Structures are given as structure tokens and as C-alpha cells.
Amino acid sequence: MKLRVCAVSYLNTRPFLYGIRQVFQESEVSITTRIPSACATDFKEGHSDLALVPVGALPELGFSDVLPHWCIGAEGKVDSVFVCSHQPIAEVKNLIQDQHSRTSNLLASVLLKHHWKVTAEIQPARDGAWKTPLRDTAYVIIGDKAVTAKDAFPFVYDLAEEWRQYSGLPFVFAVWVHRNLESDILNKIQIAFEKGMGALPLVAEQSGPDFGLDAEKALDYFTRSLSYRLDNPKKQAIKKFLAESAAITLPAIERQ
């Protein structure tokens, strides 16, 4: 029986996928890549055994187990998760969500309330809304598109950096979850992820061009912007974020 893996379709996940493909035979694993919110839905509906899911979706996933040691996190600037606007954040009246991740939308809302102390109307995601921006509106923009989208705005707030300023903690955007995997499979997954992290220059060389980056810029993203180890400070950050976001109700994100 194949291990069914659902992974995020962003550059940040390529080291994990490289490791899986190095350690597992093709006959042992099937890999699907989707946007973050769809990965959570895929796992929740039982279509995958191992999935990389947004941290904000964890309360909805029931009796799943978080894989230890690994995550998509950031110690400071993450360079791919932003709130962008044409005026200072203190002056915005509306915030439009990104369609791809509940976690980033929740994080923006937590920061609005507790860090920036701004009252703004949270609006449903509208695909590409940031391309025709309104002056009184800010936009959550995440993922690979965010790297270039931010250049269109004079005010750009890196949400991982803002969270660090607010909380003093790193931030975790996504974790790997599984349901009832046997210990030998879990050990093999750990070996695969270690292998992927040990080959970052090669992964950057192979994957960077798929996202419009040369190997040097992709490697810089892997090693400077991202932090993959799920250590104790990141576990504390998850706990704090889930506690502070629990009371926030967001407009639903349509399934992609």
C-alpha cells in the first residue's frame, strides 16, 4: 500500500519532496501537491496519510499526530508572507484575505488586533484582488507570487517579522501531520527529511528555475528566510498563535 503524501506546491516544500523521492521507491509513495488550505482539506477528508498543513488548520483536524522535528517556519523575515498596502497599516480600513492559507489570514488578523491595534474589516479572499488595489485596503499575499507582488506596494509588512516583534518568538506556518502511521514508516520519513535538508544546494539548483529563481537566490531562501526545525521556541509560538487566533472568525476560503 502506497504512502499518500499531500504537500504544499510552493518552493519552500521542495527539500522535503526531494528527500521523500530519494528514500522511498516510486512504488511506495504517491505525492500530490496543492495550495496549503487544500492540503488541510485533503487530509481531513482522508485522502492522504501524511500532509503538510497550515498551523491554523490544526484545531479542525481532530485526532491527527504532528510529525516531530520538522515544519515550515521562520526566525525573522520569511520573505513570502506579507500584508501589502498603499498606505500605512494604521490607516487601512479593509483587509482582504489570501485564498491559499487560513494560517496567514489568521496571523494578519492577530497582528491587526494585538500588534498594530487597528480595526479593519476582514473581507473574503478574491483571487488577484491585489492586482487592482484600493487605497484604503490592505492585502494578505503569500507564497511564490508574493515575492514579486510586494514590489507593487509602498508599504509591505513581513508577517513573520512582525510576529517576532510582537511576541518575541519565531513563527510556524505549517507542520506535517499523519494519522496512525507505523513506526518504521515514520522513521523512514524522518530519514527522508534529513536527506532533503542535507542537500539544500542541489535542491536549490534543481528547483529554483521552476519558480523563476537562480540557484543562489533559492538557496538563500531555504537557508536565510526559512527555518525548518520544529524546536521548543516554535512549539511555544504555535501554542501562543492558536490561543490568540481561537476567538477570530474569518470569512470562509473557497476550496481551490
Foldseek 3Di string as FASTA:
>chain_A
DAAEEEEAPFLLCLLLVQLCPVQDPPVRYDYHHDFQVVQLVCVQVPNGFKYKHFLLCVVVNPPWDFQAWWAWWFFAFLLFKKKFAQDDPQQAAEEEEALRHPNSVLLVVLCCVQPVNHDHHYDYHDPPALVVDDHRYIYTGGGLVRNPSRVVGPDIDRSQNSVCVRPVFIETTITMIGDPDDPVVSVSSVSSSVVSVVCLLVSLCVCVVVSPGHSVVSSCSNPHNTDITCDDRHVVNSVVSCVSSVPDDHDDRDDD
